[in-house]
């Protein structure tokens, strides 16, 4: 029983064969998934999907790359939607200093607003981090995000950074990169982070695990992530599956 905590089944890459993709995931034991919406179109599609499939849940927020486009009306709309019983988190939000569409100060303000919203509606936060680790940690601490906690999505930092995140009530989610042969940090993180603080994800259609690297990712491949973690920790796939599913249901408040 696997739980893929971060999918973009609302992406156009799945428009042609969504049913088949979901079927393959179920065949591999993926029982639940969280569909992430990060702007108006993807949030709308995420909400459509969670209405259609009882095993899907939604996380809704505003992506840092597009922070410059976020209005107060958008934030209000996200707040209204967050009351839906299948919305389980705010995000993905955070900081992305790789792309320069949105200035750093604009990203930071949008991030702070979403942390405050998460605290207001009492939902965990899904964090996107690209080349902005220290600023993310500083803002999470300044905004007392520990109150609701959340998920460090597709974590790529060091074991030391992971420990700081755990202290702030954030779980560590690992995806395809942990299976890459040259990925030293994710493997170290998988070995060091306690099993009860780990989640697994695909971030599909992006970041497909080995041996599908460079191809379209899909939720069925989350099993490869779980298998790699099991190997690194010297435990069974079943132990990883059970624990990460339990962790996901707890952080998302799913009974």
C-alpha atoms as a PDB file:
ATOM      1  CA  UNK A   1       0.000   0.000   0.000  1.00  0.00           C
ATOM      2  CA  UNK A   2       1.798   3.114  -1.281  1.00  0.00           C
ATOM      3  CA  UNK A   3       0.909   6.817  -0.957  1.00  0.00           C
ATOM      4  CA  UNK A   4       2.288   9.194  -3.601  1.00  0.00           C
ATOM      5  CA  UNK A   5       2.215  12.513  -1.765  1.00  0.00           C
ATOM      6  CA  UNK A   6       2.925  14.802  -4.738  1.00  0.00           C
ATOM      7  CA  UNK A   7       1.536  14.294  -8.245  1.00  0.00           C
ATOM      8  CA  UNK A   8       0.575  16.602 -11.072  1.00  0.00           C
ATOM      9  CA  UNK A   9      -2.076  14.432 -12.711  1.00  0.00           C
ATOM     10  CA  UNK A  10      -3.627  17.807 -13.572  1.00  0.00           C
ATOM     11  CA  UNK A  11      -0.760  18.441 -16.039  1.00  0.00           C
ATOM     12  CA  UNK A  12      -1.392  18.360 -19.783  1.00  0.00           C
ATOM     13  CA  UNK A  13       1.088  15.462 -20.085  1.00  0.00           C
ATOM     14  CA  UNK A  14      -1.690  13.191 -18.752  1.00  0.00           C
ATOM     15  CA  UNK A  15      -4.542  14.521 -20.892  1.00  0.00           C
ATOM     16  CA  UNK A  16      -4.433  11.582 -23.321  1.00  0.00           C
ATOM     17  CA  UNK A  17      -4.130   8.590 -20.989  1.00  0.00           C
ATOM     18  CA  UNK A  18      -5.075   9.561 -17.426  1.00  0.00           C
ATOM     19  CA  UNK A  19      -7.203   6.460 -16.828  1.00  0.00           C
ATOM     20  CA  UNK A  20      -4.386   4.150 -17.910  1.00  0.00           C
ATOM     21  CA  UNK A  21      -1.871   6.037 -15.734  1.00  0.00           C
ATOM     22  CA  UNK A  22      -4.130   5.710 -12.702  1.00  0.00           C
ATOM     23  CA  UNK A  23      -4.731   2.032 -13.491  1.00  0.00           C
ATOM     24  CA  UNK A  24      -0.985   1.304 -13.598  1.00  0.00           C
ATOM     25  CA  UNK A  25      -0.537   3.086 -10.272  1.00  0.00           C
ATOM     26  CA  UNK A  26      -3.232   0.975  -8.657  1.00  0.00           C
ATOM     27  CA  UNK A  27      -1.681  -2.191 -10.117  1.00  0.00           C
ATOM     28  CA  UNK A  28       1.563  -1.288  -8.325  1.00  0.00           C
ATOM     29  CA  UNK A  29      -0.228  -0.795  -5.003  1.00  0.00           C
ATOM     30  CA  UNK A  30      -0.568   3.008  -5.014  1.00  0.00           C
ATOM     31  CA  UNK A  31      -3.723   3.552  -2.989  1.00  0.00           C
ATOM     32  CA  UNK A  32      -3.714   7.335  -2.495  1.00  0.00           C
ATOM     33  CA  UNK A  33      -2.237  10.403  -4.179  1.00  0.00           C
ATOM     34  CA  UNK A  34      -2.226  14.137  -3.526  1.00  0.00           C
ATOM     35  CA  UNK A  35      -2.751  16.203  -6.677  1.00  0.00           C
ATOM     36  CA  UNK A  36      -0.972  19.545  -6.388  1.00  0.00           C
ATOM     37  CA  UNK A  37      -2.409  22.740  -7.901  1.00  0.00           C
ATOM     38  CA  UNK A  38      -0.203  25.830  -8.012  1.00  0.00           C
ATOM     39  CA  UNK A  39      -2.137  28.416 -10.071  1.00  0.00           C
ATOM     40  CA  UNK A  40      -5.737  28.969 -11.217  1.00  0.00           C
ATOM     41  CA  UNK A  41      -5.858  26.374 -14.042  1.00  0.00           C
ATOM     42  CA  UNK A  42      -4.035  23.604 -12.135  1.00  0.00           C
ATOM     43  CA  UNK A  43      -6.042  24.188  -8.949  1.00  0.00           C
ATOM     44  CA  UNK A  44      -9.305  23.992 -10.894  1.00  0.00           C
ATOM     45  CA  UNK A  45      -8.181  20.741 -12.511  1.00  0.00           C
ATOM     46  CA  UNK A  46      -7.032  19.326  -9.152  1.00  0.00           C
ATOM     47  CA  UNK A  47     -10.444  20.039  -7.650  1.00  0.00           C
ATOM     48  CA  UNK A  48     -12.151  18.328 -10.609  1.00  0.00           C
ATOM     49  CA  UNK A  49      -9.986  15.242 -10.138  1.00  0.00           C
ATOM     50  CA  UNK A  50     -10.590  14.897  -6.391  1.00  0.00           C
ATOM     51  CA  UNK A  51     -14.333  15.104  -7.033  1.00  0.00           C
ATOM     52  CA  UNK A  52     -14.062  12.322  -9.627  1.00  0.00           C
ATOM     53  CA  UNK A  53     -11.781   9.879  -7.757  1.00  0.00           C
ATOM     54  CA  UNK A  54     -12.315   9.004  -4.108  1.00  0.00           C
ATOM     55  CA  UNK A  55      -8.637   8.041  -3.571  1.00  0.00           C
ATOM     56  CA  UNK A  56      -7.259  11.413  -4.700  1.00  0.00           C
ATOM     57  CA  UNK A  57      -6.727  14.464  -2.470  1.00  0.00           C
ATOM     58  CA  UNK A  58      -5.620  18.003  -3.283  1.00  0.00           C
ATOM     59  CA  UNK A  59      -2.954  20.457  -2.138  1.00  0.00           C
ATOM     60  CA  UNK A  60      -3.589  24.002  -3.370  1.00  0.00           C
ATOM     61  CA  UNK A  61      -1.341  27.036  -3.346  1.00  0.00           C
ATOM     62  CA  UNK A  62       0.672  29.364  -5.556  1.00  0.00           C
ATOM     63  CA  UNK A  63       4.027  28.446  -7.079  1.00  0.00           C
ATOM     64  CA  UNK A  64       6.939  30.777  -6.248  1.00  0.00           C
ATOM     65  CA  UNK A  65       7.992  31.089  -9.900  1.00  0.00           C
ATOM     66  CA  UNK A  66       4.583  32.677 -10.596  1.00  0.00           C
ATOM     67  CA  UNK A  67       4.407  34.675  -7.357  1.00  0.00           C
ATOM     68  CA  UNK A  68       4.386  37.913  -9.329  1.00  0.00           C
ATOM     69  CA  UNK A  69       0.988  36.906 -10.787  1.00  0.00           C
ATOM     70  CA  UNK A  70      -0.672  36.105  -7.446  1.00  0.00           C
ATOM     71  CA  UNK A  71      -3.350  38.576  -6.353  1.00  0.00           C
ATOM     72  CA  UNK A  72      -5.228  39.000  -3.081  1.00  0.00           C
ATOM     73  CA  UNK A  73      -8.258  37.573  -4.892  1.00  0.00           C
ATOM     74  CA  UNK A  74      -6.286  34.431  -5.725  1.00  0.00           C
ATOM     75  CA  UNK A  75      -5.333  34.023  -2.084  1.00  0.00           C
ATOM     76  CA  UNK A  76      -8.933  34.534  -0.967  1.00  0.00           C
ATOM     77  CA  UNK A  77     -10.078  31.942  -3.509  1.00  0.00           C
ATOM     78  CA  UNK A  78      -7.520  29.418  -2.207  1.00  0.00           C
ATOM     79  CA  UNK A  79      -8.754  30.080   1.323  1.00  0.00           C
ATOM     80  CA  UNK A  80     -12.353  29.406   0.277  1.00  0.00           C
ATOM     81  CA  UNK A  81     -11.404  26.186  -1.517  1.00  0.00           C
ATOM     82  CA  UNK A  82      -9.359  25.012   1.469  1.00  0.00           C
ATOM     83  CA  UNK A  83     -12.611  24.327   3.325  1.00  0.00           C
ATOM     84  CA  UNK A  84     -13.289  21.437   0.911  1.00  0.00           C
ATOM     85  CA  UNK A  85     -12.973  18.121   2.769  1.00  0.00           C
ATOM     86  CA  UNK A  86     -10.497  16.738   0.213  1.00  0.00           C
ATOM     87  CA  UNK A  87      -8.099  19.691   0.340  1.00  0.00           C
ATOM     88  CA  UNK A  88      -5.379  18.454   2.688  1.00  0.00           C
ATOM     89  CA  UNK A  89      -2.575  21.029   2.387  1.00  0.00           C
ATOM     90  CA  UNK A  90      -1.585  24.523   1.269  1.00  0.00           C
ATOM     91  CA  UNK A  91       1.028  24.549  -1.483  1.00  0.00           C
ATOM     92  CA  UNK A  92       3.136  24.007  -3.232  1.00  0.00           C
ATOM     93  CA  UNK A  93       4.581  27.280  -2.109  1.00  0.00           C
ATOM     94  CA  UNK A  94       8.090  28.346  -1.183  1.00  0.00           C
ATOM     95  CA  UNK A  95      10.994  29.945  -3.016  1.00  0.00           C
ATOM     96  CA  UNK A  96      12.616  29.286  -6.372  1.00  0.00           C
ATOM     97  CA  UNK A  97      15.749  31.309  -7.096  1.00  0.00           C
ATOM     98  CA  UNK A  98      16.631  29.315 -10.211  1.00  0.00           C
ATOM     99  CA  UNK A  99      14.180  31.120 -12.479  1.00  0.00           C
ATOM    100  CA  UNK A 100      13.946  34.898 -12.488  1.00  0.00           C
ATOM    101  CA  UNK A 101      10.313  35.492 -13.448  1.00  0.00           C
ATOM    102  CA  UNK A 102       9.371  36.632  -9.933  1.00  0.00           C
ATOM    103  CA  UNK A 103      11.773  38.817  -7.889  1.00  0.00           C
ATOM    104  CA  UNK A 104      12.968  37.374  -4.591  1.00  0.00           C
ATOM    105  CA  UNK A 105      11.078  39.882  -2.447  1.00  0.00           C
ATOM    106  CA  UNK A 106       7.826  39.148  -4.326  1.00  0.00           C
ATOM    107  CA  UNK A 107       8.321  35.409  -3.834  1.00  0.00           C
ATOM    108  CA  UNK A 108       9.050  35.868  -0.149  1.00  0.00           C
ATOM    109  CA  UNK A 109       5.910  37.940   0.411  1.00  0.00           C
ATOM    110  CA  UNK A 110       3.717  35.396  -1.415  1.00  0.00           C
ATOM    111  CA  UNK A 111       5.337  32.626   0.647  1.00  0.00           C
ATOM    112  CA  UNK A 112       4.682  34.425   3.931  1.00  0.00           C
ATOM    113  CA  UNK A 113       1.046  35.049   2.981  1.00  0.00           C
ATOM    114  CA  UNK A 114       0.526  31.352   2.259  1.00  0.00           C
ATOM    115  CA  UNK A 115       2.152  30.297   5.537  1.00  0.00           C
ATOM    116  CA  UNK A 116      -0.233  32.640   7.370  1.00  0.00           C
ATOM    117  CA  UNK A 117      -3.143  31.216   5.387  1.00  0.00           C
ATOM    118  CA  UNK A 118      -2.122  27.657   6.269  1.00  0.00           C
ATOM    119  CA  UNK A 119      -2.038  28.584   9.946  1.00  0.00           C
ATOM    120  CA  UNK A 120      -5.441  30.281   9.637  1.00  0.00           C
ATOM    121  CA  UNK A 121      -7.104  27.251   8.007  1.00  0.00           C
ATOM    122  CA  UNK A 122      -5.021  24.779  10.038  1.00  0.00           C
ATOM    123  CA  UNK A 123      -3.530  22.832   7.136  1.00  0.00           C
ATOM    124  CA  UNK A 124       0.071  21.671   6.601  1.00  0.00           C
ATOM    125  CA  UNK A 125       2.281  23.420   4.024  1.00  0.00           C
ATOM    126  CA  UNK A 126       3.923  21.820   0.977  1.00  0.00           C
ATOM    127  CA  UNK A 127       7.290  23.486   0.418  1.00  0.00           C
ATOM    128  CA  UNK A 128       8.976  23.969  -2.953  1.00  0.00           C
ATOM    129  CA  UNK A 129      12.661  24.873  -2.581  1.00  0.00           C
ATOM    130  CA  UNK A 130      15.109  25.564  -5.370  1.00  0.00           C
ATOM    131  CA  UNK A 131      18.406  27.211  -4.519  1.00  0.00           C
ATOM    132  CA  UNK A 132      16.813  29.042  -1.572  1.00  0.00           C
ATOM    133  CA  UNK A 133      17.340  26.819   1.467  1.00  0.00           C
ATOM    134  CA  UNK A 134      18.461  29.363   4.044  1.00  0.00           C
ATOM    135  CA  UNK A 135      15.774  31.908   3.142  1.00  0.00           C
ATOM    136  CA  UNK A 136      13.107  29.212   3.342  1.00  0.00           C
ATOM    137  CA  UNK A 137      14.279  28.102   6.780  1.00  0.00           C
ATOM    138  CA  UNK A 138      14.458  31.708   8.001  1.00  0.00           C
ATOM    139  CA  UNK A 139      10.929  32.509   6.797  1.00  0.00           C
ATOM    140  CA  UNK A 140       9.436  29.295   8.193  1.00  0.00           C
ATOM    141  CA  UNK A 141      10.984  30.122  11.564  1.00  0.00           C
ATOM    142  CA  UNK A 142       9.973  33.801  11.496  1.00  0.00           C
ATOM    143  CA  UNK A 143       6.385  32.904  10.577  1.00  0.00           C
ATOM    144  CA  UNK A 144       6.233  30.107  13.181  1.00  0.00           C
ATOM    145  CA  UNK A 145       5.257  27.564  10.536  1.00  0.00           C
ATOM    146  CA  UNK A 146       6.018  24.845  13.096  1.00  0.00           C
ATOM    147  CA  UNK A 147       2.462  25.387  14.340  1.00  0.00           C
ATOM    148  CA  UNK A 148       1.058  23.535  11.316  1.00  0.00           C
ATOM    149  CA  UNK A 149       4.188  21.853   9.948  1.00  0.00           C
ATOM    150  CA  UNK A 150       4.199  20.276   6.546  1.00  0.00           C
ATOM    151  CA  UNK A 151       6.297  18.646   3.877  1.00  0.00           C
ATOM    152  CA  UNK A 152       9.658  19.449   2.318  1.00  0.00           C
ATOM    153  CA  UNK A 153       8.662  18.339  -1.180  1.00  0.00           C
ATOM    154  CA  UNK A 154      11.244  16.507  -3.296  1.00  0.00           C
ATOM    155  CA  UNK A 155      13.895  17.246  -0.678  1.00  0.00           C
ATOM    156  CA  UNK A 156      17.352  17.769  -2.184  1.00  0.00           C
ATOM    157  CA  UNK A 157      19.235  19.190   0.797  1.00  0.00           C
ATOM    158  CA  UNK A 158      21.775  17.721   3.167  1.00  0.00           C
ATOM    159  CA  UNK A 159      21.101  15.514   6.205  1.00  0.00           C
ATOM    160  CA  UNK A 160      21.963  18.551   8.369  1.00  0.00           C
ATOM    161  CA  UNK A 161      19.271  20.653   6.653  1.00  0.00           C
ATOM    162  CA  UNK A 162      16.838  17.742   6.993  1.00  0.00           C
ATOM    163  CA  UNK A 163      17.396  17.751  10.756  1.00  0.00           C
ATOM    164  CA  UNK A 164      16.567  21.485  10.920  1.00  0.00           C
ATOM    165  CA  UNK A 165      13.363  20.835   8.960  1.00  0.00           C
ATOM    166  CA  UNK A 166      12.368  17.972  11.257  1.00  0.00           C
ATOM    167  CA  UNK A 167      12.789  20.268  14.257  1.00  0.00           C
ATOM    168  CA  UNK A 168      10.333  22.666  12.583  1.00  0.00           C
ATOM    169  CA  UNK A 169       7.682  19.923  12.331  1.00  0.00           C
ATOM    170  CA  UNK A 170       8.266  19.223   8.626  1.00  0.00           C
ATOM    171  CA  UNK A 171       8.451  15.752   7.106  1.00  0.00           C
ATOM    172  CA  UNK A 172      11.014  14.912   4.426  1.00  0.00           C
ATOM    173  CA  UNK A 173       9.626  13.719   1.103  1.00  0.00           C
ATOM    174  CA  UNK A 174      11.892  11.885  -1.338  1.00  0.00           C
ATOM    175  CA  UNK A 175      11.261  11.342  -5.037  1.00  0.00           C
ATOM    176  CA  UNK A 176      12.984  10.049  -8.155  1.00  0.00           C
ATOM    177  CA  UNK A 177      16.410  11.631  -7.477  1.00  0.00           C
ATOM    178  CA  UNK A 178      17.023   9.205  -4.576  1.00  0.00           C
ATOM    179  CA  UNK A 179      17.297   6.471  -7.241  1.00  0.00           C
ATOM    180  CA  UNK A 180      19.873   8.310  -9.366  1.00  0.00           C
ATOM    181  CA  UNK A 181      23.301   6.679  -9.235  1.00  0.00           C
ATOM    182  CA  UNK A 182      25.125   9.995  -8.641  1.00  0.00           C
ATOM    183  CA  UNK A 183      22.660  11.385  -6.078  1.00  0.00           C
ATOM    184  CA  UNK A 184      24.768  11.353  -2.930  1.00  0.00           C
ATOM    185  CA  UNK A 185      22.712  13.723  -0.738  1.00  0.00           C
ATOM    186  CA  UNK A 186      19.253  12.154  -1.207  1.00  0.00           C
ATOM    187  CA  UNK A 187      20.705   8.730  -0.428  1.00  0.00           C
ATOM    188  CA  UNK A 188      22.348  10.040   2.759  1.00  0.00           C
ATOM    189  CA  UNK A 189      19.054  11.684   3.748  1.00  0.00           C
ATOM    190  CA  UNK A 190      17.162   8.434   3.116  1.00  0.00           C
ATOM    191  CA  UNK A 191      19.598   6.591   5.360  1.00  0.00           C
ATOM    192  CA  UNK A 192      19.584   9.153   8.185  1.00  0.00           C
ATOM    193  CA  UNK A 193      16.010  10.476   8.436  1.00  0.00           C
ATOM    194  CA  UNK A 194      13.880   8.271  10.733  1.00  0.00           C
ATOM    195  CA  UNK A 195      11.281   6.187   8.904  1.00  0.00           C
ATOM    196  CA  UNK A 196       8.447   7.873  10.794  1.00  0.00           C
ATOM    197  CA  UNK A 197       9.522  11.241   9.304  1.00  0.00           C
ATOM    198  CA  UNK A 198       9.749  10.173   5.650  1.00  0.00           C
ATOM    199  CA  UNK A 199       7.305  10.449   2.756  1.00  0.00           C
ATOM    200  CA  UNK A 200       7.571   9.278  -0.840  1.00  0.00           C
ATOM    201  CA  UNK A 201       6.470  11.046  -4.018  1.00  0.00           C
ATOM    202  CA  UNK A 202       6.935  11.128  -7.777  1.00  0.00           C
ATOM    203  CA  UNK A 203       6.310  14.816  -8.633  1.00  0.00           C
ATOM    204  CA  UNK A 204       5.071  13.295 -11.896  1.00  0.00           C
ATOM    205  CA  UNK A 205       5.293  14.048 -14.772  1.00  0.00           C
ATOM    206  CA  UNK A 206       8.701  15.404 -13.686  1.00  0.00           C
ATOM    207  CA  UNK A 207      11.814  13.767 -12.173  1.00  0.00           C
ATOM    208  CA  UNK A 208      11.212  10.162 -13.192  1.00  0.00           C
ATOM    209  CA  UNK A 209      13.278   7.657 -11.190  1.00  0.00           C
ATOM    210  CA  UNK A 210      15.914   5.334 -12.631  1.00  0.00           C
ATOM    211  CA  UNK A 211      15.553   3.525 -15.085  1.00  0.00           C
ATOM    212  CA  UNK A 212      12.986   5.971 -16.523  1.00  0.00           C
ATOM    213  CA  UNK A 213      15.081   9.094 -15.961  1.00  0.00           C
ATOM    214  CA  UNK A 214      14.392  11.689 -18.657  1.00  0.00           C
ATOM    215  CA  UNK A 215      11.016  10.172 -19.560  1.00  0.00           C
ATOM    216  CA  UNK A 216       7.546  11.147 -18.354  1.00  0.00           C
ATOM    217  CA  UNK A 217       7.152  10.223 -14.708  1.00  0.00           C
ATOM    218  CA  UNK A 218       3.951   8.646 -13.383  1.00  0.00           C
ATOM    219  CA  UNK A 219       2.588   7.550  -9.962  1.00  0.00           C
ATOM    220  CA  UNK A 220       3.265   3.833 -10.493  1.00  0.00           C
ATOM    221  CA  UNK A 221       6.998   4.649 -10.343  1.00  0.00           C
ATOM    222  CA  UNK A 222       6.714   5.707  -6.681  1.00  0.00           C
ATOM    223  CA  UNK A 223       7.308   2.034  -5.912  1.00  0.00           C
ATOM    224  CA  UNK A 224      10.865   2.437  -7.257  1.00  0.00           C
ATOM    225  CA  UNK A 225      11.438   5.281  -4.787  1.00  0.00           C
ATOM    226  CA  UNK A 226      10.156   3.107  -1.926  1.00  0.00           C
ATOM    227  CA  UNK A 227      12.335   0.175  -3.033  1.00  0.00           C
ATOM    228  CA  UNK A 228      15.438   2.380  -3.081  1.00  0.00           C
ATOM    229  CA  UNK A 229      14.726   3.695   0.428  1.00  0.00           C
ATOM    230  CA  UNK A 230      14.168   0.130   1.672  1.00  0.00           C
ATOM    231  CA  UNK A 231      17.514  -0.925   0.202  1.00  0.00           C
ATOM    232  CA  UNK A 232      19.341   2.063   1.720  1.00  0.00           C
ATOM    233  CA  UNK A 233      17.808   1.474   5.154  1.00  0.00           C
ATOM    234  CA  UNK A 234      18.219  -2.307   5.014  1.00  0.00           C
ATOM    235  CA  UNK A 235      14.517  -2.946   5.601  1.00  0.00           C
ATOM    236  CA  UNK A 236      11.656  -4.384   3.555  1.00  0.00           C
ATOM    237  CA  UNK A 237       9.609  -2.594   0.912  1.00  0.00           C
ATOM    238  CA  UNK A 238       6.534  -3.394   3.004  1.00  0.00           C
ATOM    239  CA  UNK A 239       7.977  -1.544   6.007  1.00  0.00           C
ATOM    240  CA  UNK A 240       8.678   1.544   3.901  1.00  0.00           C
ATOM    241  CA  UNK A 241       5.238   1.382   2.279  1.00  0.00           C
ATOM    242  CA  UNK A 242       3.383   0.999   5.570  1.00  0.00           C
ATOM    243  CA  UNK A 243       5.298   3.688   7.403  1.00  0.00           C
ATOM    244  CA  UNK A 244       5.265   6.317   4.648  1.00  0.00           C
ATOM    245  CA  UNK A 245       1.535   5.746   4.063  1.00  0.00           C
ATOM    246  CA  UNK A 246       0.861   6.114   7.779  1.00  0.00           C
ATOM    247  CA  UNK A 247       2.993   9.298   7.890  1.00  0.00           C
ATOM    248  CA  UNK A 248       1.130  10.770   4.900  1.00  0.00           C
ATOM    249  CA  UNK A 249      -2.300  10.052   6.339  1.00  0.00           C
ATOM    250  CA  UNK A 250      -1.278  11.605   9.648  1.00  0.00           C
ATOM    251  CA  UNK A 251       0.183  14.846   8.207  1.00  0.00           C
ATOM    252  CA  UNK A 252      -2.748  15.249   5.792  1.00  0.00           C
ATOM    253  CA  UNK A 253      -5.375  14.378   8.405  1.00  0.00           C
ATOM    254  CA  UNK A 254      -6.788  11.477   6.393  1.00  0.00           C
ATOM    255  CA  UNK A 255      -8.555   8.784   8.408  1.00  0.00           C
END
